[in-house]
Each structure stands twice: as C-alpha cells, then as structure tokens.
C-alpha cells in the first residue's frame, strides 16, 4: 500500500421486492383461473402459491409462464427497489 488509508464503505442492504399483480390482471383479462395457468405453464401448485404471496420464483418458471401466456416478463411482474 502507498500509505493511503482507504475508508471502508458501509453498504446499505438493497431489498428487491417483486409484485405479480400484472399477472393476476392478465389472467382476469384472458378469463383464466390460476388452475388454468398452472396447467398451461406446467408449473406446480407451490409455484402458484409463491406467486400469490409475491415471493421470488426461478426465471425458468417465469419463462414458462410467459411462454404459456405469450407475453414478456414486464407484462406479468414488477420489481421495486427498497433500501
């Protein structure tokens, strides 16, 4: 070291919350039930429950849902940053 002291930065924890309200609205617009989505996308009831609680699911699951609904990720979810 060159005799230069570096200050350690305190990093704030960044929390990312997900919201699937767009997905539920899309299902209503398409006259689909959660059961229909589960069958069309080939996902489990546990995945549907996680989505209902706005919990994180894998990108693989999200891609299956988008494929089944013929849409993009931004059409079914929102990500919000909270610090």
PDB file of N, CA and C in Angstrom:
ATOM      1  N   UNK A   1       0.838  -1.174   0.000  1.00  0.00           N
ATOM      2  CA  UNK A   1       0.000   0.000   0.000  1.00  0.00           C
ATOM      3  C   UNK A   1       0.878   1.231   0.000  1.00  0.00           C
ATOM      4  N   UNK A   2       0.388   2.265  -0.576  1.00  0.00           N
ATOM      5  CA  UNK A   2       1.132   3.502  -0.715  1.00  0.00           C
ATOM      6  C   UNK A   2       1.002   4.388   0.507  1.00  0.00           C
ATOM      7  N   UNK A   3       0.609   3.855   1.631  1.00  0.00           N
ATOM      8  CA  UNK A   3       0.397   4.685   2.794  1.00  0.00           C
ATOM      9  C   UNK A   3      -0.951   5.393   2.751  1.00  0.00           C
ATOM     10  N   UNK A   4      -1.757   5.046   1.766  1.00  0.00           N
ATOM     11  CA  UNK A   4      -3.080   5.655   1.664  1.00  0.00           C
ATOM     12  C   UNK A   4      -4.072   4.756   2.389  1.00  0.00           C
ATOM     13  N   UNK A   5      -4.787   5.359   3.311  1.00  0.00           N
ATOM     14  CA  UNK A   5      -5.800   4.598   4.030  1.00  0.00           C
ATOM     15  C   UNK A   5      -7.125   4.706   3.291  1.00  0.00           C
ATOM     16  N   UNK A   6      -7.699   3.597   3.080  1.00  0.00           N
ATOM     17  CA  UNK A   6      -8.996   3.603   2.411  1.00  0.00           C
ATOM     18  C   UNK A   6     -10.089   3.411   3.451  1.00  0.00           C
ATOM     19  N   UNK A   7     -11.087   4.228   3.327  1.00  0.00           N
ATOM     20  CA  UNK A   7     -12.223   4.089   4.215  1.00  0.00           C
ATOM     21  C   UNK A   7     -13.098   2.949   3.724  1.00  0.00           C
ATOM     22  N   UNK A   8     -13.556   2.181   4.663  1.00  0.00           N
ATOM     23  CA  UNK A   8     -14.491   1.129   4.299  1.00  0.00           C
ATOM     24  C   UNK A   8     -15.874   1.747   4.165  1.00  0.00           C
ATOM     25  N   UNK A   9     -16.471   1.462   3.067  1.00  0.00           N
ATOM     26  CA  UNK A   9     -17.812   1.985   2.835  1.00  0.00           C
ATOM     27  C   UNK A   9     -18.825   1.069   3.505  1.00  0.00           C
ATOM     28  N   UNK A  10     -19.771   1.712   4.137  1.00  0.00           N
ATOM     29  CA  UNK A  10     -20.885   0.931   4.653  1.00  0.00           C
ATOM     30  C   UNK A  10     -21.878   0.782   3.521  1.00  0.00           C
ATOM     31  N   UNK A  11     -22.199  -0.437   3.226  1.00  0.00           N
ATOM     32  CA  UNK A  11     -23.136  -0.692   2.142  1.00  0.00           C
ATOM     33  C   UNK A  11     -24.514  -0.927   2.713  1.00  0.00           C
ATOM     34  N   UNK A  12     -25.454  -0.222   2.140  1.00  0.00           N
ATOM     35  CA  UNK A  12     -26.831  -0.411   2.545  1.00  0.00           C
ATOM     36  C   UNK A  12     -27.360  -1.660   1.869  1.00  0.00           C
ATOM     37  N   UNK A  13     -28.137  -2.402   2.604  1.00  0.00           N
ATOM     38  CA  UNK A  13     -28.747  -3.592   2.030  1.00  0.00           C
ATOM     39  C   UNK A  13     -29.846  -3.161   1.067  1.00  0.00           C
ATOM     40  N   UNK A  14     -29.770  -3.643  -0.131  1.00  0.00           N
ATOM     41  CA  UNK A  14     -30.759  -3.326  -1.139  1.00  0.00           C
ATOM     42  C   UNK A  14     -31.746  -4.482  -1.207  1.00  0.00           C
ATOM     43  N   UNK A  15     -32.981  -4.174  -0.974  1.00  0.00           N
ATOM     44  CA  UNK A  15     -34.017  -5.191  -0.987  1.00  0.00           C
ATOM     45  C   UNK A  15     -34.847  -5.015  -2.255  1.00  0.00           C
ATOM     46  N   UNK A  16     -35.022  -6.086  -2.966  1.00  0.00           N
ATOM     47  CA  UNK A  16     -35.821  -6.059  -4.181  1.00  0.00           C
ATOM     48  C   UNK A  16     -37.103  -6.838  -3.906  1.00  0.00           C
ATOM     49  N   UNK A  17     -38.223  -6.179  -4.052  1.00  0.00           N
ATOM     50  CA  UNK A  17     -39.495  -6.863  -3.877  1.00  0.00           C
ATOM     51  C   UNK A  17     -40.151  -7.062  -5.232  1.00  0.00           C
ATOM     52  N   UNK A  18     -40.809  -8.180  -5.375  1.00  0.00           N
ATOM     53  CA  UNK A  18     -41.498  -8.477  -6.622  1.00  0.00           C
ATOM     54  C   UNK A  18     -43.000  -8.388  -6.393  1.00  0.00           C
ATOM     55  N   UNK A  19     -43.692  -8.079  -7.463  1.00  0.00           N
ATOM     56  CA  UNK A  19     -45.136  -7.942  -7.400  1.00  0.00           C
ATOM     57  C   UNK A  19     -45.699  -8.562  -8.673  1.00  0.00           C
ATOM     58  N   UNK A  20     -46.643  -9.473  -8.523  1.00  0.00           N
ATOM     59  CA  UNK A  20     -47.217 -10.176  -9.668  1.00  0.00           C
ATOM     60  C   UNK A  20     -48.642  -9.722  -9.971  1.00  0.00           C
ATOM     61  N   UNK A  21     -49.020  -8.519  -9.573  1.00  0.00           N
ATOM     62  CA  UNK A  21     -50.373  -8.024  -9.826  1.00  0.00           C
ATOM     63  C   UNK A  21     -50.703  -7.995 -11.316  1.00  0.00           C
ATOM     64  N   UNK A  22     -49.706  -7.697 -12.141  1.00  0.00           N
ATOM     65  CA  UNK A  22     -49.928  -7.682 -13.586  1.00  0.00           C
ATOM     66  C   UNK A  22     -50.333  -9.067 -14.093  1.00  0.00           C
ATOM     67  N   UNK A  23     -49.747 -10.102 -13.507  1.00  0.00           N
ATOM     68  CA  UNK A  23     -50.084 -11.474 -13.897  1.00  0.00           C
ATOM     69  C   UNK A  23     -51.541 -11.771 -13.587  1.00  0.00           C
ATOM     70  N   UNK A  24     -51.976 -11.418 -12.383  1.00  0.00           N
ATOM     71  CA  UNK A  24     -53.361 -11.710 -11.982  1.00  0.00           C
ATOM     72  C   UNK A  24     -54.353 -10.925 -12.840  1.00  0.00           C
ATOM     73  N   UNK A  25     -54.001  -9.700 -13.191  1.00  0.00           N
ATOM     74  CA  UNK A  25     -54.874  -8.915 -14.062  1.00  0.00           C
ATOM     75  C   UNK A  25     -54.949  -9.544 -15.450  1.00  0.00           C
ATOM     76  N   UNK A  26     -53.813 -10.029 -15.946  1.00  0.00           N
ATOM     77  CA  UNK A  26     -53.791 -10.669 -17.254  1.00  0.00           C
ATOM     78  C   UNK A  26     -54.674 -11.924 -17.253  1.00  0.00           C
ATOM     79  N   UNK A  27     -54.618 -12.690 -16.170  1.00  0.00           N
ATOM     80  CA  UNK A  27     -55.460 -13.882 -16.091  1.00  0.00           C
ATOM     81  C   UNK A  27     -56.937 -13.503 -16.149  1.00  0.00           C
ATOM     82  N   UNK A  28     -57.302 -12.436 -15.441  1.00  0.00           N
ATOM     83  CA  UNK A  28     -58.691 -11.960 -15.478  1.00  0.00           C
ATOM     84  C   UNK A  28     -59.070 -11.561 -16.898  1.00  0.00           C
ATOM     85  N   UNK A  29     -58.192 -10.804 -17.560  1.00  0.00           N
ATOM     86  CA  UNK A  29     -58.457 -10.348 -18.926  1.00  0.00           C
ATOM     87  C   UNK A  29     -58.606 -11.521 -19.896  1.00  0.00           C
ATOM     88  N   UNK A  30     -57.861 -12.600 -19.648  1.00  0.00           N
ATOM     89  CA  UNK A  30     -57.913 -13.776 -20.520  1.00  0.00           C
ATOM     90  C   UNK A  30     -58.958 -14.786 -20.044  1.00  0.00           C
ATOM     91  N   UNK A  31     -59.692 -14.413 -18.990  1.00  0.00           N
ATOM     92  CA  UNK A  31     -60.720 -15.284 -18.421  1.00  0.00           C
ATOM     93  C   UNK A  31     -60.137 -16.641 -18.007  1.00  0.00           C
ATOM     94  N   UNK A  32     -58.963 -16.595 -17.389  1.00  0.00           N
ATOM     95  CA  UNK A  32     -58.283 -17.805 -16.928  1.00  0.00           C
ATOM     96  C   UNK A  32     -58.270 -17.844 -15.405  1.00  0.00           C
ATOM     97  N   UNK A  33     -58.245 -19.057 -14.889  1.00  0.00           N
ATOM     98  CA  UNK A  33     -58.091 -19.253 -13.450  1.00  0.00           C
ATOM     99  C   UNK A  33     -56.637 -19.657 -13.185  1.00  0.00           C
ATOM    100  N   UNK A  34     -56.233 -19.589 -11.937  1.00  0.00           N
ATOM    101  CA  UNK A  34     -54.867 -19.986 -11.581  1.00  0.00           C
ATOM    102  C   UNK A  34     -54.609 -21.436 -11.979  1.00  0.00           C
ATOM    103  N   UNK A  35     -55.628 -22.261 -11.847  1.00  0.00           N
ATOM    104  CA  UNK A  35     -55.502 -23.667 -12.239  1.00  0.00           C
ATOM    105  C   UNK A  35     -55.190 -23.784 -13.721  1.00  0.00           C
ATOM    106  N   UNK A  36     -55.841 -22.952 -14.541  1.00  0.00           N
ATOM    107  CA  UNK A  36     -55.591 -22.958 -15.985  1.00  0.00           C
ATOM    108  C   UNK A  36     -54.147 -22.561 -16.277  1.00  0.00           C
ATOM    109  N   UNK A  37     -53.660 -21.550 -15.575  1.00  0.00           N
ATOM    110  CA  UNK A  37     -52.271 -21.114 -15.746  1.00  0.00           C
ATOM    111  C   UNK A  37     -51.314 -22.233 -15.355  1.00  0.00           C
ATOM    112  N   UNK A  38     -51.591 -22.864 -14.231  1.00  0.00           N
ATOM    113  CA  UNK A  38     -50.733 -23.952 -13.745  1.00  0.00           C
ATOM    114  C   UNK A  38     -50.616 -25.043 -14.799  1.00  0.00           C
ATOM    115  N   UNK A  39     -51.736 -25.427 -15.380  1.00  0.00           N
ATOM    116  CA  UNK A  39     -51.728 -26.481 -16.394  1.00  0.00           C
ATOM    117  C   UNK A  39     -51.055 -26.027 -17.689  1.00  0.00           C
ATOM    118  N   UNK A  40     -51.347 -24.818 -18.130  1.00  0.00           N
ATOM    119  CA  UNK A  40     -50.787 -24.312 -19.386  1.00  0.00           C
ATOM    120  C   UNK A  40     -49.275 -24.132 -19.310  1.00  0.00           C
ATOM    121  N   UNK A  41     -48.797 -23.672 -18.158  1.00  0.00           N
ATOM    122  CA  UNK A  41     -47.365 -23.401 -17.998  1.00  0.00           C
ATOM    123  C   UNK A  41     -46.594 -24.619 -17.484  1.00  0.00           C
ATOM    124  N   UNK A  42     -47.300 -25.610 -16.983  1.00  0.00           N
ATOM    125  CA  UNK A  42     -46.624 -26.802 -16.463  1.00  0.00           C
ATOM    126  C   UNK A  42     -45.866 -26.528 -15.176  1.00  0.00           C
ATOM    127  N   UNK A  43     -46.472 -25.730 -14.300  1.00  0.00           N
ATOM    128  CA  UNK A  43     -45.842 -25.425 -13.012  1.00  0.00           C
ATOM    129  C   UNK A  43     -46.661 -26.056 -11.886  1.00  0.00           C
ATOM    130  N   UNK A  44     -46.089 -26.079 -10.703  1.00  0.00           N
ATOM    131  CA  UNK A  44     -46.720 -26.741  -9.573  1.00  0.00           C
ATOM    132  C   UNK A  44     -47.641 -25.795  -8.808  1.00  0.00           C
ATOM    133  N   UNK A  45     -48.452 -26.377  -7.949  1.00  0.00           N
ATOM    134  CA  UNK A  45     -49.313 -25.564  -7.089  1.00  0.00           C
ATOM    135  C   UNK A  45     -48.471 -24.740  -6.125  1.00  0.00           C
ATOM    136  N   UNK A  46     -47.306 -25.256  -5.744  1.00  0.00           N
ATOM    137  CA  UNK A  46     -46.404 -24.493  -4.863  1.00  0.00           C
ATOM    138  C   UNK A  46     -45.925 -23.219  -5.542  1.00  0.00           C
ATOM    139  N   UNK A  47     -45.649 -23.285  -6.816  1.00  0.00           N
ATOM    140  CA  UNK A  47     -45.217 -22.099  -7.572  1.00  0.00           C
ATOM    141  C   UNK A  47     -46.344 -21.069  -7.609  1.00  0.00           C
ATOM    142  N   UNK A  48     -47.558 -21.524  -7.878  1.00  0.00           N
ATOM    143  CA  UNK A  48     -48.704 -20.608  -7.915  1.00  0.00           C
ATOM    144  C   UNK A  48     -48.895 -19.957  -6.545  1.00  0.00           C
ATOM    145  N   UNK A  49     -48.703 -20.729  -5.474  1.00  0.00           N
ATOM    146  CA  UNK A  49     -48.823 -20.182  -4.114  1.00  0.00           C
ATOM    147  C   UNK A  49     -47.758 -19.126  -3.859  1.00  0.00           C
ATOM    148  N   UNK A  50     -46.521 -19.380  -4.297  1.00  0.00           N
ATOM    149  CA  UNK A  50     -45.442 -18.394  -4.127  1.00  0.00           C
ATOM    150  C   UNK A  50     -45.756 -17.106  -4.882  1.00  0.00           C
ATOM    151  N   UNK A  51     -46.266 -17.252  -6.094  1.00  0.00           N
ATOM    152  CA  UNK A  51     -46.633 -16.078  -6.873  1.00  0.00           C
ATOM    153  C   UNK A  51     -47.729 -15.290  -6.157  1.00  0.00           C
ATOM    154  N   UNK A  52     -48.673 -16.002  -5.570  1.00  0.00           N
ATOM    155  CA  UNK A  52     -49.756 -15.355  -4.850  1.00  0.00           C
ATOM    156  C   UNK A  52     -49.291 -14.571  -3.636  1.00  0.00           C
ATOM    157  N   UNK A  53     -48.132 -14.968  -3.089  1.00  0.00           N
ATOM    158  CA  UNK A  53     -47.552 -14.286  -1.927  1.00  0.00           C
ATOM    159  C   UNK A  53     -46.479 -13.285  -2.341  1.00  0.00           C
ATOM    160  N   UNK A  54     -46.337 -13.046  -3.647  1.00  0.00           N
ATOM    161  CA  UNK A  54     -45.301 -12.150  -4.185  1.00  0.00           C
ATOM    162  C   UNK A  54     -43.903 -12.568  -3.745  1.00  0.00           C
ATOM    163  N   UNK A  55     -43.663 -13.862  -3.736  1.00  0.00           N
ATOM    164  CA  UNK A  55     -42.340 -14.386  -3.403  1.00  0.00           C
ATOM    165  C   UNK A  55     -41.547 -14.612  -4.692  1.00  0.00           C
ATOM    166  N   UNK A  56     -40.248 -14.727  -4.538  1.00  0.00           N
ATOM    167  CA  UNK A  56     -39.374 -14.948  -5.688  1.00  0.00           C
ATOM    168  C   UNK A  56     -39.545 -16.373  -6.205  1.00  0.00           C
ATOM    169  N   UNK A  57     -39.569 -16.512  -7.513  1.00  0.00           N
ATOM    170  CA  UNK A  57     -39.554 -17.817  -8.177  1.00  0.00           C
ATOM    171  C   UNK A  57     -38.447 -17.780  -9.219  1.00  0.00           C
ATOM    172  N   UNK A  58     -38.087 -18.936  -9.730  1.00  0.00           N
ATOM    173  CA  UNK A  58     -36.966 -19.004 -10.674  1.00  0.00           C
ATOM    174  C   UNK A  58     -37.323 -18.360 -12.010  1.00  0.00           C
ATOM    175  N   UNK A  59     -36.300 -17.947 -12.716  1.00  0.00           N
ATOM    176  CA  UNK A  59     -36.524 -17.375 -14.049  1.00  0.00           C
ATOM    177  C   UNK A  59     -37.065 -18.440 -14.999  1.00  0.00           C
ATOM    178  N   UNK A  60     -36.717 -19.682 -14.763  1.00  0.00           N
ATOM    179  CA  UNK A  60     -37.243 -20.771 -15.584  1.00  0.00           C
ATOM    180  C   UNK A  60     -38.771 -20.813 -15.474  1.00  0.00           C
ATOM    181  N   UNK A  61     -39.286 -20.684 -14.271  1.00  0.00           N
ATOM    182  CA  UNK A  61     -40.731 -20.674 -14.042  1.00  0.00           C
ATOM    183  C   UNK A  61     -41.365 -19.468 -14.723  1.00  0.00           C
ATOM    184  N   UNK A  62     -40.749 -18.303 -14.559  1.00  0.00           N
ATOM    185  CA  UNK A  62     -41.290 -17.096 -15.176  1.00  0.00           C
ATOM    186  C   UNK A  62     -41.318 -17.220 -16.697  1.00  0.00           C
ATOM    187  N   UNK A  63     -40.299 -17.831 -17.267  1.00  0.00           N
ATOM    188  CA  UNK A  63     -40.255 -18.034 -18.720  1.00  0.00           C
ATOM    189  C   UNK A  63     -41.354 -18.986 -19.174  1.00  0.00           C
ATOM    190  N   UNK A  64     -41.622 -20.023 -18.406  1.00  0.00           N
ATOM    191  CA  UNK A  64     -42.707 -20.950 -18.732  1.00  0.00           C
ATOM    192  C   UNK A  64     -44.046 -20.224 -18.743  1.00  0.00           C
ATOM    193  N   UNK A  65     -44.250 -19.363 -17.754  1.00  0.00           N
ATOM    194  CA  UNK A  65     -45.494 -18.610 -17.663  1.00  0.00           C
ATOM    195  C   UNK A  65     -45.624 -17.657 -18.847  1.00  0.00           C
ATOM    196  N   UNK A  66     -44.542 -16.956 -19.161  1.00  0.00           N
ATOM    197  CA  UNK A  66     -44.563 -16.030 -20.302  1.00  0.00           C
ATOM    198  C   UNK A  66     -44.832 -16.769 -21.607  1.00  0.00           C
ATOM    199  N   UNK A  67     -44.249 -17.940 -21.750  1.00  0.00           N
ATOM    200  CA  UNK A  67     -44.471 -18.742 -22.952  1.00  0.00           C
ATOM    201  C   UNK A  67     -45.941 -19.159 -23.043  1.00  0.00           C
ATOM    202  N   UNK A  68     -46.520 -19.590 -21.928  1.00  0.00           N
ATOM    203  CA  UNK A  68     -47.919 -20.030 -21.910  1.00  0.00           C
ATOM    204  C   UNK A  68     -48.881 -18.879 -22.199  1.00  0.00           C
ATOM    205  N   UNK A  69     -48.527 -17.678 -21.743  1.00  0.00           N
ATOM    206  CA  UNK A  69     -49.403 -16.515 -21.921  1.00  0.00           C
ATOM    207  C   UNK A  69     -49.019 -15.661 -23.129  1.00  0.00           C
ATOM    208  N   UNK A  70     -47.943 -16.056 -23.812  1.00  0.00           N
ATOM    209  CA  UNK A  70     -47.447 -15.321 -24.983  1.00  0.00           C
ATOM    210  C   UNK A  70     -47.192 -13.849 -24.634  1.00  0.00           C
ATOM    211  N   UNK A  71     -46.345 -13.639 -23.621  1.00  0.00           N
ATOM    212  CA  UNK A  71     -46.053 -12.275 -23.168  1.00  0.00           C
ATOM    213  C   UNK A  71     -44.605 -12.197 -22.686  1.00  0.00           C
ATOM    214  N   UNK A  72     -44.205 -11.028 -22.225  1.00  0.00           N
ATOM    215  CA  UNK A  72     -42.860 -10.824 -21.691  1.00  0.00           C
ATOM    216  C   UNK A  72     -42.893 -10.697 -20.177  1.00  0.00           C
ATOM    217  N   UNK A  73     -41.712 -10.729 -19.579  1.00  0.00           N
ATOM    218  CA  UNK A  73     -41.615 -10.628 -18.119  1.00  0.00           C
ATOM    219  C   UNK A  73     -42.242  -9.356 -17.571  1.00  0.00           C
ATOM    220  N   UNK A  74     -42.032  -8.249 -18.275  1.00  0.00           N
ATOM    221  CA  UNK A  74     -42.580  -6.982 -17.788  1.00  0.00           C
ATOM    222  C   UNK A  74     -44.102  -6.930 -17.878  1.00  0.00           C
ATOM    223  N   UNK A  75     -44.705  -7.905 -18.577  1.00  0.00           N
ATOM    224  CA  UNK A  75     -46.158  -7.960 -18.650  1.00  0.00           C
ATOM    225  C   UNK A  75     -46.782  -8.679 -17.446  1.00  0.00           C
ATOM    226  N   UNK A  76     -45.959  -9.423 -16.689  1.00  0.00           N
ATOM    227  CA  UNK A  76     -46.521 -10.210 -15.585  1.00  0.00           C
ATOM    228  C   UNK A  76     -45.978  -9.820 -14.213  1.00  0.00           C
ATOM    229  N   UNK A  77     -44.943  -9.010 -14.174  1.00  0.00           N
ATOM    230  CA  UNK A  77     -44.354  -8.682 -12.862  1.00  0.00           C
ATOM    231  C   UNK A  77     -43.738  -7.299 -12.823  1.00  0.00           C
ATOM    232  N   UNK A  78     -43.571  -6.805 -11.603  1.00  0.00           N
ATOM    233  CA  UNK A  78     -42.851  -5.556 -11.360  1.00  0.00           C
ATOM    234  C   UNK A  78     -41.823  -5.815 -10.271  1.00  0.00           C
ATOM    235  N   UNK A  79     -40.692  -5.160 -10.367  1.00  0.00           N
ATOM    236  CA  UNK A  79     -39.657  -5.249  -9.339  1.00  0.00           C
ATOM    237  C   UNK A  79     -39.463  -3.860  -8.776  1.00  0.00           C
ATOM    238  N   UNK A  80     -39.527  -3.767  -7.449  1.00  0.00           N
ATOM    239  CA  UNK A  80     -39.347  -2.485  -6.800  1.00  0.00           C
ATOM    240  C   UNK A  80     -38.143  -2.563  -5.882  1.00  0.00           C
ATOM    241  N   UNK A  81     -37.342  -1.503  -5.905  1.00  0.00           N
ATOM    242  CA  UNK A  81     -36.172  -1.409  -5.021  1.00  0.00           C
ATOM    243  C   UNK A  81     -36.557  -0.713  -3.738  1.00  0.00           C
ATOM    244  N   UNK A  82     -36.159  -1.297  -2.648  1.00  0.00           N
ATOM    245  CA  UNK A  82     -36.371  -0.672  -1.341  1.00  0.00           C
ATOM    246  C   UNK A  82     -35.043  -0.714  -0.595  1.00  0.00           C
ATOM    247  N   UNK A  83     -34.739   0.364   0.114  1.00  0.00           N
ATOM    248  CA  UNK A  83     -33.471   0.365   0.870  1.00  0.00           C
ATOM    249  C   UNK A  83     -33.722   0.531   2.340  1.00  0.00           C
TER     250      UNK A  83
END
